[in-house]
Amino acid sequence: MARLLKADIEALKDLHEEGFTFLARDENGKLWTFMDEHIGDIEKEDNIWICEDYCKSINKKLFKFIKWEDEKPTSIRELMKEVK
C-alpha cells in the first residue's frame, strides 16, 4: 500500500476527475500522468515512458513512492481505493 501525503491525495482526486488513469516517473525524475485505458498502451523505452493516448507532466514532488524502476505504471484507480 502506498503512503499518500495530503498533496498526493488532492492531486490524485483532480487527476481522477480529469480522466487520467496511470502515473509513471521517467529516469530523470519527471512525473507523468496518462489517459490510456489499458496499461499495455504505456511502455518503457530508453529512459522515458511512451503512451498511445494523451499524457502530461505533473509536479515531480508528488507521489515520491513512484519510481523509474517500477515495472509498470501506477493505477490511479487503485490509488483512489486508498482515499475512500
PDB file of N, CA and C in Angstrom:
ATOM      1  N   MET A   1       0.836  -1.176   0.000  1.00  0.00           N
ATOM      2  CA  MET A   1       0.000   0.000   0.000  1.00  0.00           C
ATOM      3  C   MET A   1       0.891   1.253   0.000  1.00  0.00           C
ATOM      4  N   ALA A   2       0.593   2.183  -0.866  1.00  0.00           N
ATOM      5  CA  ALA A   2       1.372   3.418  -0.978  1.00  0.00           C
ATOM      6  C   ALA A   2       1.041   4.365   0.168  1.00  0.00           C
ATOM      7  N   ARG A   3       2.025   5.145   0.556  1.00  0.00           N
ATOM      8  CA  ARG A   3       1.811   6.149   1.596  1.00  0.00           C
ATOM      9  C   ARG A   3       1.500   7.471   0.908  1.00  0.00           C
ATOM     10  N   LEU A   4       0.225   7.835   0.892  1.00  0.00           N
ATOM     11  CA  LEU A   4      -0.204   9.054   0.223  1.00  0.00           C
ATOM     12  C   LEU A   4      -0.177  10.231   1.183  1.00  0.00           C
ATOM     13  N   LEU A   5       0.486  11.290   0.780  1.00  0.00           N
ATOM     14  CA  LEU A   5       0.506  12.521   1.550  1.00  0.00           C
ATOM     15  C   LEU A   5      -0.703  13.369   1.151  1.00  0.00           C
ATOM     16  N   LYS A   6      -1.000  14.385   1.946  1.00  0.00           N
ATOM     17  CA  LYS A   6      -2.161  15.234   1.671  1.00  0.00           C
ATOM     18  C   LYS A   6      -2.103  15.822   0.256  1.00  0.00           C
ATOM     19  N   ALA A   7      -0.939  16.319  -0.151  1.00  0.00           N
ATOM     20  CA  ALA A   7      -0.789  16.887  -1.503  1.00  0.00           C
ATOM     21  C   ALA A   7      -1.023  15.824  -2.575  1.00  0.00           C
ATOM     22  N   ASP A   8      -0.575  14.590  -2.314  1.00  0.00           N
ATOM     23  CA  ASP A   8      -0.802  13.488  -3.252  1.00  0.00           C
ATOM     24  C   ASP A   8      -2.296  13.221  -3.412  1.00  0.00           C
ATOM     25  N   ILE A   9      -3.004  13.200  -2.296  1.00  0.00           N
ATOM     26  CA  ILE A   9      -4.440  12.904  -2.313  1.00  0.00           C
ATOM     27  C   ILE A   9      -5.197  13.958  -3.106  1.00  0.00           C
ATOM     28  N   GLU A  10      -4.887  15.221  -2.880  1.00  0.00           N
ATOM     29  CA  GLU A  10      -5.555  16.301  -3.615  1.00  0.00           C
ATOM     30  C   GLU A  10      -5.273  16.194  -5.111  1.00  0.00           C
ATOM     31  N   ALA A  11      -4.024  15.962  -5.470  1.00  0.00           N
ATOM     32  CA  ALA A  11      -3.660  15.816  -6.884  1.00  0.00           C
ATOM     33  C   ALA A  11      -4.335  14.589  -7.487  1.00  0.00           C
ATOM     34  N   LEU A  12      -4.368  13.507  -6.738  1.00  0.00           N
ATOM     35  CA  LEU A  12      -4.976  12.266  -7.200  1.00  0.00           C
ATOM     36  C   LEU A  12      -6.453  12.471  -7.526  1.00  0.00           C
ATOM     37  N   LYS A  13      -7.165  13.143  -6.648  1.00  0.00           N
ATOM     38  CA  LYS A  13      -8.590  13.418  -6.880  1.00  0.00           C
ATOM     39  C   LYS A  13      -8.781  14.239  -8.150  1.00  0.00           C
ATOM     40  N   ASP A  14      -7.956  15.264  -8.328  1.00  0.00           N
ATOM     41  CA  ASP A  14      -8.055  16.101  -9.530  1.00  0.00           C
ATOM     42  C   ASP A  14      -7.751  15.302 -10.794  1.00  0.00           C
ATOM     43  N   LEU A  15      -6.692  14.511 -10.764  1.00  0.00           N
ATOM     44  CA  LEU A  15      -6.312  13.712 -11.931  1.00  0.00           C
ATOM     45  C   LEU A  15      -7.401  12.704 -12.288  1.00  0.00           C
ATOM     46  N   HIS A  16      -7.962  12.067 -11.277  1.00  0.00           N
ATOM     47  CA  HIS A  16      -9.032  11.093 -11.496  1.00  0.00           C
ATOM     48  C   HIS A  16     -10.245  11.774 -12.128  1.00  0.00           C
ATOM     49  N   GLU A  17     -10.595  12.939 -11.608  1.00  0.00           N
ATOM     50  CA  GLU A  17     -11.733  13.698 -12.124  1.00  0.00           C
ATOM     51  C   GLU A  17     -11.509  14.129 -13.578  1.00  0.00           C
ATOM     52  N   GLU A  18     -10.266  14.428 -13.936  1.00  0.00           N
ATOM     53  CA  GLU A  18      -9.927  14.843 -15.302  1.00  0.00           C
ATOM     54  C   GLU A  18      -9.863  13.666 -16.275  1.00  0.00           C
ATOM     55  N   GLY A  19      -9.917  12.443 -15.760  1.00  0.00           N
ATOM     56  CA  GLY A  19      -9.916  11.272 -16.628  1.00  0.00           C
ATOM     57  C   GLY A  19      -8.576  10.589 -16.804  1.00  0.00           C
ATOM     58  N   PHE A  20      -7.579  10.980 -16.011  1.00  0.00           N
ATOM     59  CA  PHE A  20      -6.281  10.315 -16.095  1.00  0.00           C
ATOM     60  C   PHE A  20      -6.351   8.953 -15.413  1.00  0.00           C
ATOM     61  N   THR A  21      -5.574   8.001 -15.925  1.00  0.00           N
ATOM     62  CA  THR A  21      -5.688   6.613 -15.471  1.00  0.00           C
ATOM     63  C   THR A  21      -4.425   6.039 -14.836  1.00  0.00           C
ATOM     64  N   PHE A  22      -3.247   6.526 -15.225  1.00  0.00           N
ATOM     65  CA  PHE A  22      -1.994   5.968 -14.720  1.00  0.00           C
ATOM     66  C   PHE A  22      -0.977   7.063 -14.433  1.00  0.00           C
ATOM     67  N   LEU A  23      -0.004   6.722 -13.581  1.00  0.00           N
ATOM     68  CA  LEU A  23       1.121   7.597 -13.248  1.00  0.00           C
ATOM     69  C   LEU A  23       2.416   6.821 -13.443  1.00  0.00           C
ATOM     70  N   ALA A  24       3.462   7.494 -13.911  1.00  0.00           N
ATOM     71  CA  ALA A  24       4.783   6.866 -14.039  1.00  0.00           C
ATOM     72  C   ALA A  24       5.849   7.955 -13.997  1.00  0.00           C
ATOM     73  N   ARG A  25       7.045   7.560 -13.567  1.00  0.00           N
ATOM     74  CA  ARG A  25       8.159   8.501 -13.461  1.00  0.00           C
ATOM     75  C   ARG A  25       9.263   8.100 -14.443  1.00  0.00           C
ATOM     76  N   ASP A  26       9.763   9.090 -15.207  1.00  0.00           N
ATOM     77  CA  ASP A  26      10.884   8.854 -16.120  1.00  0.00           C
ATOM     78  C   ASP A  26      12.180   8.700 -15.327  1.00  0.00           C
ATOM     79  N   GLU A  27      13.213   8.247 -16.008  1.00  0.00           N
ATOM     80  CA  GLU A  27      14.509   8.046 -15.365  1.00  0.00           C
ATOM     81  C   GLU A  27      15.079   9.352 -14.798  1.00  0.00           C
ATOM     82  N   ASN A  28      14.747  10.481 -15.427  1.00  0.00           N
ATOM     83  CA  ASN A  28      15.243  11.782 -14.960  1.00  0.00           C
ATOM     84  C   ASN A  28      14.414  12.363 -13.804  1.00  0.00           C
ATOM     85  N   GLY A  29      13.407  11.618 -13.352  1.00  0.00           N
ATOM     86  CA  GLY A  29      12.596  12.044 -12.220  1.00  0.00           C
ATOM     87  C   GLY A  29      11.301  12.740 -12.581  1.00  0.00           C
ATOM     88  N   LYS A  30      11.103  13.040 -13.864  1.00  0.00           N
ATOM     89  CA  LYS A  30       9.880  13.712 -14.301  1.00  0.00           C
ATOM     90  C   LYS A  30       8.690  12.769 -14.124  1.00  0.00           C
ATOM     91  N   LEU A  31       7.597  13.297 -13.575  1.00  0.00           N
ATOM     92  CA  LEU A  31       6.399  12.505 -13.296  1.00  0.00           C
ATOM     93  C   LEU A  31       5.346  12.772 -14.363  1.00  0.00           C
ATOM     94  N   TRP A  32       4.760  11.700 -14.870  1.00  0.00           N
ATOM     95  CA  TRP A  32       3.771  11.788 -15.942  1.00  0.00           C
ATOM     96  C   TRP A  32       2.465  11.143 -15.517  1.00  0.00           C
ATOM     97  N   THR A  33       1.372  11.666 -16.065  1.00  0.00           N
ATOM     98  CA  THR A  33       0.067  11.050 -15.899  1.00  0.00           C
ATOM     99  C   THR A  33      -0.498  10.775 -17.291  1.00  0.00           C
ATOM    100  N   PHE A  34      -1.213   9.673 -17.417  1.00  0.00           N
ATOM    101  CA  PHE A  34      -1.670   9.179 -18.716  1.00  0.00           C
ATOM    102  C   PHE A  34      -3.178   8.984 -18.732  1.00  0.00           C
ATOM    103  N   MET A  35      -3.770   9.131 -19.937  1.00  0.00           N
ATOM    104  CA  MET A  35      -5.199   8.887 -20.116  1.00  0.00           C
ATOM    105  C   MET A  35      -5.469   7.542 -20.789  1.00  0.00           C
ATOM    106  N   ASP A  36      -4.459   6.758 -21.018  1.00  0.00           N
ATOM    107  CA  ASP A  36      -4.633   5.464 -21.685  1.00  0.00           C
ATOM    108  C   ASP A  36      -5.535   4.555 -20.862  1.00  0.00           C
ATOM    109  N   GLU A  37      -6.436   3.850 -21.542  1.00  0.00           N
ATOM    110  CA  GLU A  37      -7.357   2.934 -20.873  1.00  0.00           C
ATOM    111  C   GLU A  37      -6.674   1.640 -20.441  1.00  0.00           C
ATOM    112  N   HIS A  38      -5.708   1.183 -21.216  1.00  0.00           N
ATOM    113  CA  HIS A  38      -5.068  -0.102 -20.952  1.00  0.00           C
ATOM    114  C   HIS A  38      -3.598   0.099 -20.611  1.00  0.00           C
ATOM    115  N   ILE A  39      -3.154  -0.555 -19.566  1.00  0.00           N
ATOM    116  CA  ILE A  39      -1.764  -0.428 -19.135  1.00  0.00           C
ATOM    117  C   ILE A  39      -0.802  -0.862 -20.236  1.00  0.00           C
ATOM    118  N   GLY A  40      -1.239  -1.765 -21.105  1.00  0.00           N
ATOM    119  CA  GLY A  40      -0.398  -2.229 -22.202  1.00  0.00           C
ATOM    120  C   GLY A  40      -0.114  -1.160 -23.244  1.00  0.00           C
ATOM    121  N   ASP A  41      -0.872  -0.059 -23.207  1.00  0.00           N
ATOM    122  CA  ASP A  41      -0.662   1.037 -24.150  1.00  0.00           C
ATOM    123  C   ASP A  41       0.453   1.977 -23.704  1.00  0.00           C
ATOM    124  N   ILE A  42       1.018   1.729 -22.527  1.00  0.00           N
ATOM    125  CA  ILE A  42       2.087   2.561 -21.986  1.00  0.00           C
ATOM    126  C   ILE A  42       3.332   1.690 -21.853  1.00  0.00           C
ATOM    127  N   GLU A  43       4.434   2.110 -22.471  1.00  0.00           N
ATOM    128  CA  GLU A  43       5.651   1.295 -22.466  1.00  0.00           C
ATOM    129  C   GLU A  43       6.863   2.098 -22.026  1.00  0.00           C
ATOM    130  N   LYS A  44       7.813   1.390 -21.411  1.00  0.00           N
ATOM    131  CA  LYS A  44       9.106   1.977 -21.071  1.00  0.00           C
ATOM    132  C   LYS A  44      10.001   1.859 -22.289  1.00  0.00           C
ATOM    133  N   GLU A  45      10.625   2.961 -22.669  1.00  0.00           N
ATOM    134  CA  GLU A  45      11.526   2.932 -23.818  1.00  0.00           C
ATOM    135  C   GLU A  45      12.718   3.833 -23.516  1.00  0.00           C
ATOM    136  N   ASP A  46      13.892   3.289 -23.601  1.00  0.00           N
ATOM    137  CA  ASP A  46      15.123   4.008 -23.251  1.00  0.00           C
ATOM    138  C   ASP A  46      15.014   4.547 -21.825  1.00  0.00           C
ATOM    139  N   ASN A  47      14.863   5.852 -21.666  1.00  0.00           N
ATOM    140  CA  ASN A  47      14.796   6.408 -20.310  1.00  0.00           C
ATOM    141  C   ASN A  47      13.485   7.143 -20.040  1.00  0.00           C
ATOM    142  N   ILE A  48      12.460   6.855 -20.870  1.00  0.00           N
ATOM    143  CA  ILE A  48      11.162   7.509 -20.697  1.00  0.00           C
ATOM    144  C   ILE A  48      10.017   6.513 -20.875  1.00  0.00           C
ATOM    145  N   TRP A  49       8.813   6.928 -20.492  1.00  0.00           N
ATOM    146  CA  TRP A  49       7.599   6.156 -20.729  1.00  0.00           C
ATOM    147  C   TRP A  49       6.928   6.713 -21.983  1.00  0.00           C
ATOM    148  N   ILE A  50       6.427   5.843 -22.842  1.00  0.00           N
ATOM    149  CA  ILE A  50       5.749   6.213 -24.083  1.00  0.00           C
ATOM    150  C   ILE A  50       4.293   5.770 -23.969  1.00  0.00           C
ATOM    151  N   CYS A  51       3.354   6.635 -24.429  1.00  0.00           N
ATOM    152  CA  CYS A  51       1.937   6.265 -24.349  1.00  0.00           C
ATOM    153  C   CYS A  51       1.270   6.351 -25.712  1.00  0.00           C
ATOM    154  N   GLU A  52       0.130   5.686 -25.829  1.00  0.00           N
ATOM    155  CA  GLU A  52      -0.650   5.685 -27.061  1.00  0.00           C
ATOM    156  C   GLU A  52      -1.610   6.869 -27.096  1.00  0.00           C
ATOM    157  N   ASP A  53      -2.082   7.298 -25.941  1.00  0.00           N
ATOM    158  CA  ASP A  53      -3.106   8.330 -25.845  1.00  0.00           C
ATOM    159  C   ASP A  53      -2.475   9.635 -25.367  1.00  0.00           C
ATOM    160  N   TYR A  54      -3.163  10.380 -24.557  1.00  0.00           N
ATOM    161  CA  TYR A  54      -2.707  11.680 -24.064  1.00  0.00           C
ATOM    162  C   TYR A  54      -1.971  11.524 -22.736  1.00  0.00           C
ATOM    163  N   CYS A  55      -0.908  12.295 -22.554  1.00  0.00           N
ATOM    164  CA  CYS A  55      -0.208  12.323 -21.275  1.00  0.00           C
ATOM    165  C   CYS A  55       0.268  13.743 -21.002  1.00  0.00           C
ATOM    166  N   LYS A  56       0.537  14.040 -19.733  1.00  0.00           N
ATOM    167  CA  LYS A  56       1.098  15.347 -19.370  1.00  0.00           C
ATOM    168  C   LYS A  56       1.990  15.176 -18.154  1.00  0.00           C
ATOM    169  N   SER A  57       2.969  16.064 -18.049  1.00  0.00           N
ATOM    170  CA  SER A  57       3.850  16.021 -16.884  1.00  0.00           C
ATOM    171  C   SER A  57       3.183  16.780 -15.743  1.00  0.00           C
ATOM    172  N   ILE A  58       3.451  16.328 -14.521  1.00  0.00           N
ATOM    173  CA  ILE A  58       2.909  16.979 -13.333  1.00  0.00           C
ATOM    174  C   ILE A  58       4.051  17.198 -12.341  1.00  0.00           C
ATOM    175  N   ASN A  59       3.763  17.856 -11.262  1.00  0.00           N
ATOM    176  CA  ASN A  59       4.750  18.194 -10.236  1.00  0.00           C
ATOM    177  C   ASN A  59       5.511  16.948  -9.784  1.00  0.00           C
ATOM    178  N   LYS A  60       6.813  16.930 -10.031  1.00  0.00           N
ATOM    179  CA  LYS A  60       7.608  15.738  -9.708  1.00  0.00           C
ATOM    180  C   LYS A  60       7.803  15.538  -8.209  1.00  0.00           C
ATOM    181  N   LYS A  61       7.397  16.503  -7.398  1.00  0.00           N
ATOM    182  CA  LYS A  61       7.492  16.350  -5.944  1.00  0.00           C
ATOM    183  C   LYS A  61       6.361  15.492  -5.383  1.00  0.00           C
ATOM    184  N   LEU A  62       5.351  15.238  -6.207  1.00  0.00           N
ATOM    185  CA  LEU A  62       4.226  14.398  -5.791  1.00  0.00           C
ATOM    186  C   LEU A  62       4.576  12.918  -5.952  1.00  0.00           C
ATOM    187  N   PHE A  63       3.843  12.078  -5.241  1.00  0.00           N
ATOM    188  CA  PHE A  63       3.921  10.624  -5.396  1.00  0.00           C
ATOM    189  C   PHE A  63       5.358  10.106  -5.378  1.00  0.00           C
ATOM    190  N   LYS A  64       6.087  10.445  -4.336  1.00  0.00           N
ATOM    191  CA  LYS A  64       7.510  10.072  -4.212  1.00  0.00           C
ATOM    192  C   LYS A  64       7.739   8.560  -4.281  1.00  0.00           C
ATOM    193  N   PHE A  65       6.719   7.781  -3.972  1.00  0.00           N
ATOM    194  CA  PHE A  65       6.850   6.323  -3.990  1.00  0.00           C
ATOM    195  C   PHE A  65       6.871   5.759  -5.413  1.00  0.00           C
ATOM    196  N   ILE A  66       6.509   6.553  -6.406  1.00  0.00           N
ATOM    197  CA  ILE A  66       6.550   6.109  -7.801  1.00  0.00           C
ATOM    198  C   ILE A  66       7.973   6.311  -8.312  1.00  0.00           C
ATOM    199  N   LYS A  67       8.579   5.226  -8.770  1.00  0.00           N
ATOM    200  CA  LYS A  67       9.991   5.229  -9.178  1.00  0.00           C
ATOM    201  C   LYS A  67      10.139   4.806 -10.639  1.00  0.00           C
ATOM    202  N   TRP A  68      11.228   5.233 -11.253  1.00  0.00           N
ATOM    203  CA  TRP A  68      11.573   4.800 -12.604  1.00  0.00           C
ATOM    204  C   TRP A  68      11.712   3.282 -12.653  1.00  0.00           C
ATOM    205  N   GLU A  69      12.210   2.712 -11.593  1.00  0.00           N
ATOM    206  CA  GLU A  69      12.460   1.271 -11.554  1.00  0.00           C
ATOM    207  C   GLU A  69      11.177   0.439 -11.527  1.00  0.00           C
ATOM    208  N   ASP A  70      10.029   1.063 -11.305  1.00  0.00           N
ATOM    209  CA  ASP A  70       8.759   0.329 -11.306  1.00  0.00           C
ATOM    210  C   ASP A  70       8.577  -0.368 -12.651  1.00  0.00           C
ATOM    211  N   GLU A  71       8.111  -1.594 -12.605  1.00  0.00           N
ATOM    212  CA  GLU A  71       7.933  -2.389 -13.823  1.00  0.00           C
ATOM    213  C   GLU A  71       6.784  -1.888 -14.688  1.00  0.00           C
ATOM    214  N   LYS A  72       5.774  -1.286 -14.066  1.00  0.00           N
ATOM    215  CA  LYS A  72       4.611  -0.812 -14.814  1.00  0.00           C
ATOM    216  C   LYS A  72       4.096   0.477 -14.177  1.00  0.00           C
ATOM    217  N   PRO A  73       3.306   1.241 -14.922  1.00  0.00           N
ATOM    218  CA  PRO A  73       2.732   2.466 -14.366  1.00  0.00           C
ATOM    219  C   PRO A  73       1.813   2.161 -13.180  1.00  0.00           C
ATOM    220  N   THR A  74       1.618   3.152 -12.343  1.00  0.00           N
ATOM    221  CA  THR A  74       0.756   3.028 -11.169  1.00  0.00           C
ATOM    222  C   THR A  74      -0.666   3.429 -11.546  1.00  0.00           C
ATOM    223  N   SER A  75      -1.624   2.599 -11.178  1.00  0.00           N
ATOM    224  CA  SER A  75      -3.027   2.843 -11.492  1.00  0.00           C
ATOM    225  C   SER A  75      -3.622   3.904 -10.566  1.00  0.00           C
ATOM    226  N   ILE A  76      -4.176   4.944 -11.154  1.00  0.00           N
ATOM    227  CA  ILE A  76      -4.860   5.971 -10.364  1.00  0.00           C
ATOM    228  C   ILE A  76      -6.094   5.367  -9.706  1.00  0.00           C
ATOM    229  N   ARG A  77      -6.783   4.499 -10.403  1.00  0.00           N
ATOM    230  CA  ARG A  77      -7.974   3.842  -9.844  1.00  0.00           C
ATOM    231  C   ARG A  77      -7.624   3.069  -8.573  1.00  0.00           C
ATOM    232  N   GLU A  78      -6.506   2.350  -8.591  1.00  0.00           N
ATOM    233  CA  GLU A  78      -6.087   1.592  -7.406  1.00  0.00           C
ATOM    234  C   GLU A  78      -5.716   2.526  -6.258  1.00  0.00           C
ATOM    235  N   LEU A  79      -5.036   3.619  -6.559  1.00  0.00           N
ATOM    236  CA  LEU A  79      -4.685   4.581  -5.511  1.00  0.00           C
ATOM    237  C   LEU A  79      -5.931   5.233  -4.921  1.00  0.00           C
ATOM    238  N   MET A  80      -6.937   5.465  -5.751  1.00  0.00           N
ATOM    239  CA  MET A  80      -8.180   6.080  -5.269  1.00  0.00           C
ATOM    240  C   MET A  80      -8.865   5.208  -4.218  1.00  0.00           C
ATOM    241  N   LYS A  81      -8.682   3.902  -4.294  1.00  0.00           N
ATOM    242  CA  LYS A  81      -9.273   2.995  -3.300  1.00  0.00           C
ATOM    243  C   LYS A  81      -8.722   3.269  -1.907  1.00  0.00           C
ATOM    244  N   GLU A  82      -7.511   3.805  -1.834  1.00  0.00           N
ATOM    245  CA  GLU A  82      -6.879   4.091  -0.549  1.00  0.00           C
ATOM    246  C   GLU A  82      -7.403   5.367   0.100  1.00  0.00           C
ATOM    247  N   VAL A  83      -8.034   6.232  -0.677  1.00  0.00           N
ATOM    248  CA  VAL A  83      -8.501   7.504  -0.124  1.00  0.00           C
ATOM    249  C   VAL A  83      -9.998   7.523   0.143  1.00  0.00           C
ATOM    250  N   LYS A  84     -10.686   6.469  -0.165  1.00  0.00           N
ATOM    251  CA  LYS A  84     -12.139   6.421   0.066  1.00  0.00           C
ATOM    252  C   LYS A  84     -12.455   5.838   1.413  1.00  0.00           C
TER     253      LYS A  84
END
